[in-house]
Amino acid sequence: MSSPRRCLFLLIAVSLVVRLAWAATLETGQDEAYHFLYTVHPDWSYFDHPPMLRYVAQAGISTFGGWLHPLSLRFGFVLMFGGATWIMFTWTARWFGEWAGFYAALALNLSAYYTAAAGAFVLPDGPLLFFALLTMWRLSEALVASPGRLVPWLWVGLACAGAMLSKYHAVFLPLGALVYILVTPSARRNLLTPGPYFAADIGLLGLVPVLIWNAQHDWASFGFQTGRAVGGRLQIGGLAVMLFGPMALLLPWIWYSLIAALIGRLRSFRTITGIERLLICQALVPLVLFGVVSCTRPILPHWPLIGFLPLFPMLGADWAARSVREPIVVRRWLNFMTASVLLIAGAFVVQARFGLIQFPFRDPCIEISGWDSVGRELQERGLIDRPNTFLFTSHWFDSGQVAFAVRNRIPVTCYRQGDARGFAYWSRPEDWVGHDGILIDTDLRDDVNTIYAPYFREVDELPSIEMTRGGRPFRTVRLYLFRDQQRPFPFAYERTPK
């Protein structure tokens, strides 16, 4: 029988090959293409996210010598997921044994969102996953294994700083640790030692770039993010997303195993101590908070997933125990889960590349298909090299797709009043006066002239572009040439009056 470490190395190697193939095959998604522009506009931070996203994306592009391709853009994120797998194994093995560590790492690789979106796409969730696991691992050393020692807290601070540089969700990591300290009498003595304060000071360094950018831009990022979580009135749609979104993203069997691990420990929370109590506190803080927020505000289904991360070590322990009692059942169950993930991933790639299935509703792969064909058509028509010209769309995500499709060889912006996202800070409205703008319209709107013509001298409709995948057209994109912009289009966010 193979050792758990050999199984781990095989898992990392196979997973790495599969996700590199995935990364090389698929076109960029709409968030990924938009995040590519972070590398084009280096800054302290960004409207949407902290700057770690740019560091990882730029590292991948630099590794490939500046070659712009979905593979080079995603490369650093693929490698970070391999590191996250190793951390999950090592952390879990430290407390529950090496087989538990392997099963926890395997479950992470079999959960759709982590192994695909966070593990192979250009999203802040990849770096957050890596640094969140590292933070929780070191917290378990500082709070449970070696309370009172200063060195573990140093690592907690460094890991937390990396998480803070990755995504705002990192704030739940110190909050979960604080809740554990407050509800665990034996852990409260940590508040009388310098370690937690030392770690907090280091961790806050990860917020310095974010604070600098926000101070320079009227705290726009903080206002945008808090506005998504505060206010609203009672509604059930968000709560449904909170309950069923993670089930779909993690896949039902992984979600069920994690929830079973959570409920099983909650039933005996008063009597459990040490690592399991810490893990439950780390999980409950974000899950409860997003549960409350979802009752009054719409949330995205992946937001609560940081609350499921601390449950993986306990899932690994549960699977390891069951593998001793029912080895054949567990082996068959793992084979089913592995085959399911590979089948889903393969079907997604085939649909994205060739569009074989005609959906009666919106194609789930439509936003990750066809933009390369748009870039090629713009190149063949000579529009990319047209002097004194820029491209624009009415959606920040379409503008990101256009920018990556043309490899940023022509300026691209977003003309949407009130929601231009980062484009509102990467240029000023007056920068485009005197230039010609080519509108790439995916909405096929009839009011294009009403919206944009007042800002230009004249407009001509150009021949449309048919997006293709697998050589077959599947979506129409209209083009309009707006000549000689006369006055600024107000896409910038309003500044706070002085």
Protein backbone atom coordinates (compact mmCIF):
# COMPACT_ATOMS: atom_id res chain seq x y z
CA MET A 1 0.00 0.00 0.00
CA SER A 2 1.34 3.45 -0.91
CA SER A 3 2.25 5.88 1.84
CA PRO A 4 0.14 9.04 2.22
CA ARG A 5 3.10 11.19 1.19
CA ARG A 6 3.54 9.27 -2.05
CA CYS A 7 -0.17 9.63 -2.70
CA LEU A 8 0.13 13.36 -2.03
CA PHE A 9 3.01 13.83 -4.49
CA LEU A 10 1.06 11.88 -7.12
CA LEU A 11 -2.02 14.02 -6.45
CA ILE A 12 -0.05 17.26 -6.80
CA ALA A 13 1.67 16.07 -9.99
CA VAL A 14 -1.51 14.84 -11.70
CA SER A 15 -3.50 17.86 -10.58
CA LEU A 16 -0.78 20.19 -11.84
CA VAL A 17 -0.75 18.59 -15.30
CA VAL A 18 -4.55 18.63 -15.57
CA ARG A 19 -4.86 22.26 -14.49
CA LEU A 20 -2.02 23.40 -16.76
CA ALA A 21 -3.82 21.74 -19.67
CA TRP A 22 -7.05 23.47 -18.56
CA ALA A 23 -5.23 26.81 -18.30
CA ALA A 24 -3.67 26.46 -21.74
CA THR A 25 -6.88 25.37 -23.47
CA LEU A 26 -9.52 27.80 -22.27
CA GLU A 27 -9.83 31.43 -23.31
CA THR A 28 -9.86 33.94 -20.48
CA GLY A 29 -13.02 34.46 -18.48
CA GLN A 30 -14.44 37.94 -18.10
CA ASP A 31 -12.94 38.53 -14.63
CA GLU A 32 -9.57 37.12 -15.73
CA ALA A 33 -9.29 39.39 -18.75
CA TYR A 34 -10.21 42.38 -16.62
CA HIS A 35 -7.62 41.36 -14.01
CA PHE A 36 -5.00 41.18 -16.75
CA LEU A 37 -5.27 44.96 -16.88
CA TYR A 38 -3.91 45.11 -13.33
CA THR A 39 -0.55 44.16 -14.86
CA VAL A 40 -0.92 46.95 -17.41
CA HIS A 41 -1.69 49.55 -14.73
CA PRO A 42 0.66 48.93 -11.77
CA ASP A 43 -0.61 50.67 -8.66
CA TRP A 44 -0.66 50.41 -4.89
CA SER A 45 -4.02 48.65 -5.05
CA TYR A 46 -7.17 48.56 -7.17
CA PHE A 47 -10.83 49.48 -7.09
CA ASP A 48 -11.97 45.87 -6.85
CA HIS A 49 -9.20 43.99 -5.04
CA PRO A 50 -5.87 44.33 -3.23
CA PRO A 51 -2.70 44.04 -5.36
CA MET A 52 -1.61 40.39 -4.79
CA LEU A 53 -3.59 39.44 -7.88
CA ARG A 54 -1.28 41.58 -10.00
CA TYR A 55 1.88 40.21 -8.42
CA VAL A 56 0.94 36.61 -9.22
CA ALA A 57 -0.31 37.35 -12.73
CA GLN A 58 2.79 39.42 -13.55
CA ALA A 59 5.05 36.67 -12.21
CA GLY A 60 3.47 34.18 -14.61
CA ILE A 61 3.81 36.49 -17.59
CA SER A 62 7.43 37.24 -16.68
CA THR A 63 8.18 33.51 -16.35
CA PHE A 64 7.15 33.13 -20.00
CA GLY A 65 9.27 36.07 -21.10
CA GLY A 66 6.37 38.49 -21.54
CA TRP A 67 4.31 36.13 -23.73
CA LEU A 68 0.63 37.06 -23.30
CA HIS A 69 -1.50 33.94 -23.33
CA PRO A 70 -4.09 32.49 -20.95
CA LEU A 71 -1.48 29.95 -19.83
CA SER A 72 1.14 32.55 -18.89
CA LEU A 73 -1.50 34.71 -17.19
CA ARG A 74 -2.74 31.75 -15.13
CA PHE A 75 0.60 30.05 -14.49
CA GLY A 76 1.31 31.55 -11.07
CA PHE A 77 -2.19 30.70 -9.85
CA VAL A 78 -1.80 27.07 -10.91
CA LEU A 79 1.46 26.81 -8.96
CA MET A 80 -0.05 28.47 -5.89
CA PHE A 81 -2.80 25.86 -5.79
CA GLY A 82 -0.14 23.15 -5.75
CA GLY A 83 1.35 24.94 -2.75
CA ALA A 84 -2.09 25.18 -1.13
CA THR A 85 -2.52 21.42 -1.56
CA TRP A 86 0.77 20.81 0.23
CA ILE A 87 -0.19 23.18 3.07
CA MET A 88 -3.55 21.45 3.49
CA PHE A 89 -1.80 18.08 3.77
CA THR A 90 0.88 19.27 6.18
CA TRP A 91 -1.51 21.22 8.38
CA THR A 92 -4.05 18.41 8.62
CA ALA A 93 -1.40 15.71 9.11
CA ARG A 94 0.01 17.72 12.01
CA TRP A 95 -3.21 17.23 13.98
CA PHE A 96 -5.08 14.26 12.55
CA GLY A 97 -2.46 12.04 10.91
CA GLU A 98 -1.01 11.77 7.41
CA TRP A 99 -3.88 9.83 5.87
CA ALA A 100 -6.26 12.50 7.11
CA GLY A 101 -3.92 15.04 5.54
CA PHE A 102 -4.04 13.26 2.20
CA TYR A 103 -7.84 12.99 2.23
CA ALA A 104 -8.18 16.68 3.11
CA ALA A 105 -5.85 17.60 0.23
CA LEU A 106 -7.74 15.28 -2.11
CA ALA A 107 -11.08 16.79 -1.11
CA LEU A 108 -9.69 20.26 -1.84
CA ASN A 109 -8.70 19.07 -5.32
CA LEU A 110 -12.12 17.49 -5.86
CA SER A 111 -14.08 20.63 -4.94
CA ALA A 112 -14.91 22.32 -8.22
CA TYR A 113 -14.44 25.95 -7.25
CA TYR A 114 -11.09 25.52 -5.55
CA THR A 115 -9.44 23.23 -8.05
CA ALA A 116 -10.75 25.16 -11.08
CA ALA A 117 -11.60 28.78 -10.33
CA ALA A 118 -9.19 29.32 -7.43
CA GLY A 119 -6.66 26.84 -8.73
CA ALA A 120 -6.41 27.74 -12.40
CA PHE A 121 -8.10 31.09 -13.03
CA VAL A 122 -6.83 34.63 -12.54
CA LEU A 123 -8.93 35.40 -9.47
CA PRO A 124 -8.04 36.72 -6.00
CA ASP A 125 -9.38 33.48 -4.52
CA GLY A 126 -6.21 31.60 -5.51
CA PRO A 127 -3.76 33.71 -3.49
CA LEU A 128 -6.34 34.00 -0.70
CA LEU A 129 -6.63 30.21 -0.54
CA PHE A 130 -2.86 29.82 -0.23
CA PHE A 131 -2.35 32.48 2.43
CA ALA A 132 -5.56 31.67 4.34
CA LEU A 133 -4.49 28.05 4.74
CA LEU A 134 -1.01 29.18 5.76
CA THR A 135 -2.51 31.60 8.30
CA MET A 136 -4.80 28.99 9.84
CA TRP A 137 -1.98 26.44 9.98
CA ARG A 138 0.27 28.87 11.85
CA LEU A 139 -2.62 29.98 14.08
CA SER A 140 -3.07 26.38 15.17
CA GLU A 141 0.60 26.33 16.18
CA ALA A 142 0.40 29.66 18.00
CA LEU A 143 -2.88 29.05 19.83
CA VAL A 144 -2.97 25.28 20.34
CA ALA A 145 0.44 23.65 19.92
CA SER A 146 2.76 26.27 21.42
CA PRO A 147 0.76 28.96 23.25
CA GLY A 148 2.90 31.72 24.67
CA ARG A 149 5.72 31.43 22.14
CA LEU A 150 6.47 34.45 19.96
CA VAL A 151 7.91 32.80 16.82
CA PRO A 152 4.63 31.13 15.71
CA TRP A 153 2.92 34.51 15.92
CA LEU A 154 5.55 35.96 13.58
CA TRP A 155 4.49 33.43 10.94
CA VAL A 156 0.83 34.17 11.64
CA GLY A 157 1.46 37.85 10.94
CA LEU A 158 3.38 37.23 7.73
CA ALA A 159 0.78 34.79 6.41
CA CYS A 160 -2.07 37.10 7.35
CA ALA A 161 -0.36 40.01 5.61
CA GLY A 162 -0.27 37.91 2.42
CA ALA A 163 -3.96 37.13 2.84
CA MET A 164 -4.79 40.81 3.39
CA LEU A 165 -2.95 41.62 0.17
CA SER A 166 -5.07 39.03 -1.64
CA LYS A 167 -8.72 39.69 -0.81
CA TYR A 168 -10.80 41.59 1.73
CA HIS A 169 -12.26 38.29 2.97
CA ALA A 170 -8.97 37.80 4.82
CA VAL A 171 -10.41 39.89 7.66
CA PHE A 172 -12.29 36.78 8.80
CA LEU A 173 -9.02 35.04 9.72
CA PRO A 174 -8.09 37.25 12.72
CA LEU A 175 -11.77 37.55 13.65
CA GLY A 176 -12.10 33.77 13.84
CA ALA A 177 -8.97 33.56 16.00
CA LEU A 178 -10.31 36.28 18.31
CA VAL A 179 -13.63 34.45 18.72
CA TYR A 180 -11.73 31.27 19.61
CA ILE A 181 -9.73 33.12 22.26
CA LEU A 182 -12.85 34.71 23.75
CA VAL A 183 -14.89 31.47 23.97
CA THR A 184 -12.00 29.32 25.20
CA PRO A 185 -11.01 30.14 28.79
CA SER A 186 -7.59 28.50 28.53
CA ALA A 187 -6.78 30.56 25.42
CA ARG A 188 -7.60 33.95 26.91
CA ARG A 189 -4.19 34.18 28.51
CA ASN A 190 -2.86 34.77 24.98
CA LEU A 191 -4.25 38.30 25.23
CA LEU A 192 -1.75 38.94 28.02
CA THR A 193 1.21 37.99 25.81
CA PRO A 194 2.79 40.10 23.03
CA GLY A 195 2.32 37.43 20.34
CA PRO A 196 -1.20 38.31 19.07
CA TYR A 197 -0.40 42.04 18.98
CA PHE A 198 2.90 41.37 17.22
CA ALA A 199 1.07 39.29 14.59
CA ALA A 200 -1.65 41.93 14.23
CA ASP A 201 0.93 44.65 13.57
CA ILE A 202 2.63 42.56 10.88
CA GLY A 203 -0.67 41.48 9.36
CA LEU A 204 -1.86 45.06 9.08
CA LEU A 205 1.13 45.79 6.85
CA GLY A 206 -0.75 43.87 4.19
CA LEU A 207 -3.39 46.60 4.25
CA VAL A 208 -0.92 49.46 3.78
CA PRO A 209 -1.02 49.45 -0.06
CA VAL A 210 -4.82 49.22 0.07
CA LEU A 211 -5.01 52.13 2.50
CA ILE A 212 -2.65 54.24 0.39
CA TRP A 213 -4.70 53.67 -2.78
CA ASN A 214 -7.98 54.37 -1.03
CA ALA A 215 -6.63 57.52 0.61
CA GLN A 216 -5.65 58.73 -2.85
CA HIS A 217 -9.07 57.89 -4.33
CA ASP A 218 -11.62 59.02 -1.73
CA TRP A 219 -11.87 55.54 -0.16
CA ALA A 220 -13.63 54.31 -3.27
CA SER A 221 -12.78 50.63 -2.87
CA PHE A 222 -13.97 50.48 0.73
CA GLY A 223 -17.16 52.30 -0.19
CA PHE A 224 -17.83 49.92 -3.06
CA GLN A 225 -17.23 46.75 -1.01
CA THR A 226 -19.15 47.83 2.08
CA GLY A 227 -22.01 48.96 -0.11
CA ARG A 228 -22.39 45.38 -1.29
CA ALA A 229 -22.85 44.10 2.26
CA VAL A 230 -24.66 46.85 4.17
CA GLY A 231 -28.26 47.98 3.92
CA GLY A 232 -31.16 46.55 1.99
CA ARG A 233 -34.34 44.93 3.22
CA LEU A 234 -35.39 41.40 4.07
CA GLN A 235 -35.33 39.04 1.09
CA ILE A 236 -34.91 35.29 0.61
CA GLY A 237 -33.00 35.22 -2.67
CA GLY A 238 -29.67 35.98 -1.03
CA LEU A 239 -30.27 33.40 1.67
CA ALA A 240 -30.97 30.77 -1.00
CA VAL A 241 -27.66 31.66 -2.66
CA MET A 242 -25.95 31.38 0.73
CA LEU A 243 -27.38 27.92 1.31
CA PHE A 244 -27.19 26.38 -2.15
CA GLY A 245 -24.44 28.34 -3.90
CA PRO A 246 -21.58 26.65 -2.00
CA MET A 247 -23.22 23.29 -2.62
CA ALA A 248 -22.96 23.81 -6.37
CA LEU A 249 -19.47 25.32 -6.29
CA LEU A 250 -17.94 22.70 -3.99
CA LEU A 251 -20.05 19.88 -5.53
CA PRO A 252 -22.78 18.29 -3.41
CA TRP A 253 -20.73 15.38 -2.05
CA ILE A 254 -17.89 17.60 -0.82
CA TRP A 255 -20.35 20.14 0.58
CA TYR A 256 -22.25 17.42 2.42
CA SER A 257 -19.06 15.99 3.95
CA LEU A 258 -18.00 19.44 5.14
CA ILE A 259 -21.41 20.25 6.60
CA ALA A 260 -21.47 16.84 8.32
CA ALA A 261 -18.07 17.59 9.87
CA LEU A 262 -19.32 20.99 11.05
CA ILE A 263 -22.59 19.73 12.54
CA GLY A 264 -20.91 16.76 14.20
CA ARG A 265 -18.50 19.03 16.08
CA LEU A 266 -21.10 21.68 16.85
CA ARG A 267 -23.16 19.11 18.73
CA SER A 268 -20.28 18.66 21.16
CA PHE A 269 -18.78 22.15 20.95
CA ARG A 270 -18.76 22.65 24.73
CA THR A 271 -16.61 19.58 25.24
CA ILE A 272 -14.25 19.75 22.24
CA THR A 273 -10.97 21.58 22.75
CA GLY A 274 -7.84 22.46 20.86
CA ILE A 275 -7.66 22.32 17.09
CA GLU A 276 -11.27 21.29 16.43
CA ARG A 277 -12.63 24.16 18.50
CA LEU A 278 -10.33 26.58 16.66
CA LEU A 279 -11.46 25.25 13.28
CA ILE A 280 -15.13 25.59 14.19
CA CYS A 281 -14.61 29.21 15.27
CA GLN A 282 -12.74 29.97 12.04
CA ALA A 283 -15.61 28.49 10.04
CA LEU A 284 -18.55 29.98 11.92
CA VAL A 285 -17.49 33.64 11.80
CA PRO A 286 -17.75 34.06 7.99
CA LEU A 287 -20.63 31.60 7.63
CA VAL A 288 -22.76 33.37 10.21
CA LEU A 289 -21.89 36.85 8.94
CA PHE A 290 -22.64 36.03 5.30
CA GLY A 291 -25.79 34.27 6.43
CA VAL A 292 -26.95 37.48 8.10
CA VAL A 293 -25.92 39.66 5.15
CA SER A 294 -27.68 37.36 2.69
CA CYS A 295 -31.01 38.03 4.41
CA THR A 296 -30.92 41.67 3.31
CA ARG A 297 -28.46 41.89 0.41
CA PRO A 298 -27.71 39.73 -2.65
CA ILE A 299 -24.42 37.89 -2.28
CA LEU A 300 -22.26 36.00 -4.74
CA PRO A 301 -22.21 32.22 -4.17
CA HIS A 302 -18.44 32.01 -3.68
CA TRP A 303 -18.26 34.62 -0.91
CA PRO A 304 -19.04 32.20 1.97
CA LEU A 305 -16.48 29.61 0.81
CA ILE A 306 -13.78 30.95 3.10
CA GLY A 307 -15.95 29.60 5.93
CA PHE A 308 -15.71 26.09 4.50
CA LEU A 309 -11.90 26.04 4.33
CA PRO A 310 -11.34 25.31 8.06
CA LEU A 311 -13.64 22.30 7.77
CA PHE A 312 -11.41 20.39 5.33
CA PRO A 313 -8.99 19.04 7.99
CA MET A 314 -11.93 17.57 9.92
CA LEU A 315 -13.36 16.15 6.72
CA GLY A 316 -9.97 14.51 6.11
CA ALA A 317 -10.07 13.02 9.60
CA ASP A 318 -13.59 11.68 9.01
CA TRP A 319 -12.67 10.12 5.67
CA ALA A 320 -9.52 8.58 7.10
CA ALA A 321 -11.48 6.98 9.95
CA ARG A 322 -14.09 5.64 7.56
CA SER A 323 -11.43 4.26 5.20
CA VAL A 324 -10.29 2.01 8.04
CA ARG A 325 -13.84 0.77 8.72
CA GLU A 326 -15.04 0.55 5.12
CA PRO A 327 -12.03 0.63 2.78
CA ILE A 328 -13.85 -0.70 -0.28
CA VAL A 329 -16.77 1.72 0.07
CA VAL A 330 -14.42 4.68 0.49
CA ARG A 331 -12.29 3.62 -2.48
CA ARG A 332 -15.34 3.38 -4.73
CA TRP A 333 -16.67 6.70 -3.46
CA LEU A 334 -13.35 8.44 -4.14
CA ASN A 335 -13.22 6.92 -7.63
CA PHE A 336 -16.72 8.26 -8.31
CA MET A 337 -15.84 11.76 -7.10
CA THR A 338 -12.61 11.85 -9.09
CA ALA A 339 -14.30 10.65 -12.26
CA SER A 340 -17.10 13.18 -11.78
CA VAL A 341 -14.71 16.10 -11.48
CA LEU A 342 -12.73 15.04 -14.55
CA LEU A 343 -15.94 14.54 -16.51
CA ILE A 344 -17.30 17.96 -15.51
CA ALA A 345 -13.97 19.64 -16.33
CA GLY A 346 -13.78 17.89 -19.70
CA ALA A 347 -17.36 18.78 -20.58
CA PHE A 348 -16.73 22.41 -19.66
CA VAL A 349 -13.66 22.60 -21.90
CA VAL A 350 -15.44 20.96 -24.84
CA GLN A 351 -18.44 23.27 -24.52
CA ALA A 352 -16.25 26.36 -24.19
CA ARG A 353 -14.14 25.40 -27.19
CA PHE A 354 -16.76 23.96 -29.53
CA GLY A 355 -20.23 24.80 -28.16
CA LEU A 356 -21.65 21.37 -29.00
CA ILE A 357 -24.69 21.73 -26.73
CA GLN A 358 -27.40 24.23 -27.59
CA PHE A 359 -28.86 25.36 -24.27
CA PRO A 360 -32.50 26.51 -24.05
CA PHE A 361 -31.20 29.07 -21.54
CA ARG A 362 -27.96 31.06 -21.35
CA ASP A 363 -24.88 29.04 -22.25
CA PRO A 364 -22.73 28.80 -19.07
CA CYS A 365 -19.58 29.00 -21.18
CA ILE A 366 -20.54 31.99 -23.30
CA GLU A 367 -18.34 34.46 -21.39
CA ILE A 368 -15.23 32.31 -21.77
CA SER A 369 -15.61 31.72 -25.50
CA GLY A 370 -15.21 33.66 -28.72
CA TRP A 371 -13.23 36.73 -27.76
CA ASP A 372 -10.09 35.48 -29.49
CA SER A 373 -12.06 35.45 -32.75
CA VAL A 374 -13.06 39.07 -32.11
CA GLY A 375 -9.41 40.00 -31.60
CA ARG A 376 -8.40 38.28 -34.83
CA GLU A 377 -11.15 40.00 -36.80
CA LEU A 378 -10.20 43.44 -35.45
CA GLN A 379 -6.60 42.73 -36.47
CA GLU A 380 -7.55 41.60 -39.97
CA ARG A 381 -9.65 44.72 -40.51
CA GLY A 382 -6.73 46.91 -39.49
CA LEU A 383 -8.68 48.49 -36.65
CA ILE A 384 -6.07 47.68 -34.01
CA ASP A 385 -3.45 49.72 -35.87
CA ARG A 386 -5.79 52.61 -36.68
CA PRO A 387 -4.12 55.85 -35.47
CA ASN A 388 -5.68 58.10 -32.84
CA THR A 389 -8.30 55.46 -32.02
CA PHE A 390 -9.43 53.61 -28.92
CA LEU A 391 -11.84 50.73 -28.31
CA PHE A 392 -14.63 50.82 -25.75
CA THR A 393 -17.65 48.85 -24.56
CA SER A 394 -20.51 49.57 -22.17
CA HIS A 395 -19.45 46.88 -19.65
CA TRP A 396 -16.23 46.68 -17.64
CA PHE A 397 -16.03 42.91 -18.21
CA ASP A 398 -16.43 43.23 -21.98
CA SER A 399 -13.74 45.92 -22.05
CA GLY A 400 -11.43 43.55 -20.19
CA GLN A 401 -12.11 40.79 -22.71
CA VAL A 402 -11.43 43.15 -25.61
CA ALA A 403 -8.16 44.36 -24.03
CA PHE A 404 -6.81 40.85 -23.62
CA ALA A 405 -8.10 39.71 -27.03
CA VAL A 406 -6.06 42.46 -28.72
CA ARG A 407 -3.21 41.96 -26.22
CA ASN A 408 -3.49 45.62 -25.22
CA ARG A 409 -2.05 46.79 -28.55
CA ILE A 410 -4.67 49.56 -28.72
CA PRO A 411 -6.12 51.56 -25.80
CA VAL A 412 -9.34 50.16 -24.35
CA THR A 413 -11.73 51.78 -21.91
CA CYS A 414 -15.27 51.40 -20.60
CA TYR A 415 -17.97 53.99 -21.21
CA ARG A 416 -20.56 53.18 -18.57
CA GLN A 417 -21.68 55.97 -16.33
CA GLY A 418 -21.72 54.87 -12.70
CA ASP A 419 -20.02 51.47 -13.11
CA ALA A 420 -16.78 51.54 -15.07
CA ARG A 421 -14.89 49.78 -12.23
CA GLY A 422 -11.12 50.11 -12.61
CA PHE A 423 -11.43 51.87 -15.96
CA ALA A 424 -12.63 54.91 -14.03
CA TYR A 425 -9.12 55.17 -12.52
CA TRP A 426 -6.90 53.99 -15.36
CA SER A 427 -7.65 57.08 -17.43
CA ARG A 428 -9.55 60.34 -17.16
CA PRO A 429 -12.64 61.16 -19.24
CA GLU A 430 -10.89 64.11 -20.86
CA ASP A 431 -8.02 61.88 -22.08
CA TRP A 432 -10.15 60.61 -24.97
CA VAL A 433 -11.32 63.96 -26.34
CA GLY A 434 -10.14 64.39 -29.94
CA HIS A 435 -9.86 60.65 -30.52
CA ASP A 436 -12.00 58.24 -32.50
CA GLY A 437 -13.72 55.50 -30.54
CA ILE A 438 -14.83 52.08 -31.80
CA LEU A 439 -17.73 50.72 -29.77
CA ILE A 440 -17.90 46.93 -29.46
CA ASP A 441 -21.51 46.22 -28.55
CA THR A 442 -22.45 42.77 -27.24
CA ASP A 443 -25.94 43.83 -26.08
CA LEU A 444 -27.12 44.62 -29.63
CA ARG A 445 -28.76 47.75 -28.26
CA ASP A 446 -30.98 50.05 -30.29
CA ASP A 447 -30.16 53.15 -28.25
CA VAL A 448 -26.42 53.30 -28.93
CA ASN A 449 -26.66 56.61 -30.78
CA THR A 450 -28.79 58.13 -28.04
CA ILE A 451 -26.17 57.27 -25.41
CA TYR A 452 -22.89 57.99 -27.19
CA ALA A 453 -23.49 60.11 -30.29
CA PRO A 454 -23.81 63.41 -28.33
CA TYR A 455 -20.17 63.06 -27.31
CA PHE A 456 -18.77 62.60 -30.85
CA ARG A 457 -18.87 64.50 -34.11
CA GLU A 458 -20.38 61.65 -36.14
CA VAL A 459 -20.93 57.90 -36.09
CA ASP A 460 -20.78 55.11 -38.70
CA GLU A 461 -21.94 51.55 -38.16
CA LEU A 462 -19.28 49.04 -39.21
CA PRO A 463 -19.87 45.46 -40.36
CA SER A 464 -20.67 43.21 -37.41
CA ILE A 465 -18.37 40.49 -36.12
CA GLU A 466 -19.54 36.94 -35.66
CA MET A 467 -17.90 35.36 -32.63
CA THR A 468 -16.83 31.80 -33.37
CA ARG A 469 -15.82 28.71 -31.43
CA GLY A 470 -14.83 25.52 -33.13
CA GLY A 471 -15.10 27.46 -36.38
CA ARG A 472 -18.84 28.05 -35.95
CA PRO A 473 -20.51 31.43 -35.34
CA PHE A 474 -22.49 31.59 -32.12
CA ARG A 475 -22.79 35.24 -31.11
CA THR A 476 -23.02 38.56 -32.94
CA VAL A 477 -21.07 41.66 -31.95
CA ARG A 478 -21.89 45.04 -33.46
CA LEU A 479 -19.25 47.66 -34.21
CA TYR A 480 -19.69 51.42 -34.41
CA LEU A 481 -17.06 53.97 -35.35
CA PHE A 482 -17.57 57.18 -33.38
CA ARG A 483 -15.42 59.93 -34.91
CA ASP A 484 -13.70 62.80 -33.12
CA GLN A 485 -14.88 62.84 -29.51
CA GLN A 486 -15.98 66.37 -28.70
CA ARG A 487 -16.38 66.29 -24.92
CA PRO A 488 -15.62 63.87 -22.08
CA PHE A 489 -17.96 60.97 -21.43
CA PRO A 490 -18.64 60.89 -17.64
CA PHE A 491 -17.47 57.37 -16.83
CA ALA A 492 -15.46 58.37 -13.73
CA TYR A 493 -16.91 57.79 -10.27
CA GLU A 494 -18.03 60.98 -8.63
CA ARG A 495 -15.55 62.44 -6.21
CA THR A 496 -16.53 63.39 -2.69
CA PRO A 497 -17.01 67.17 -2.59
CA LYS A 498 -14.23 68.98 -0.76
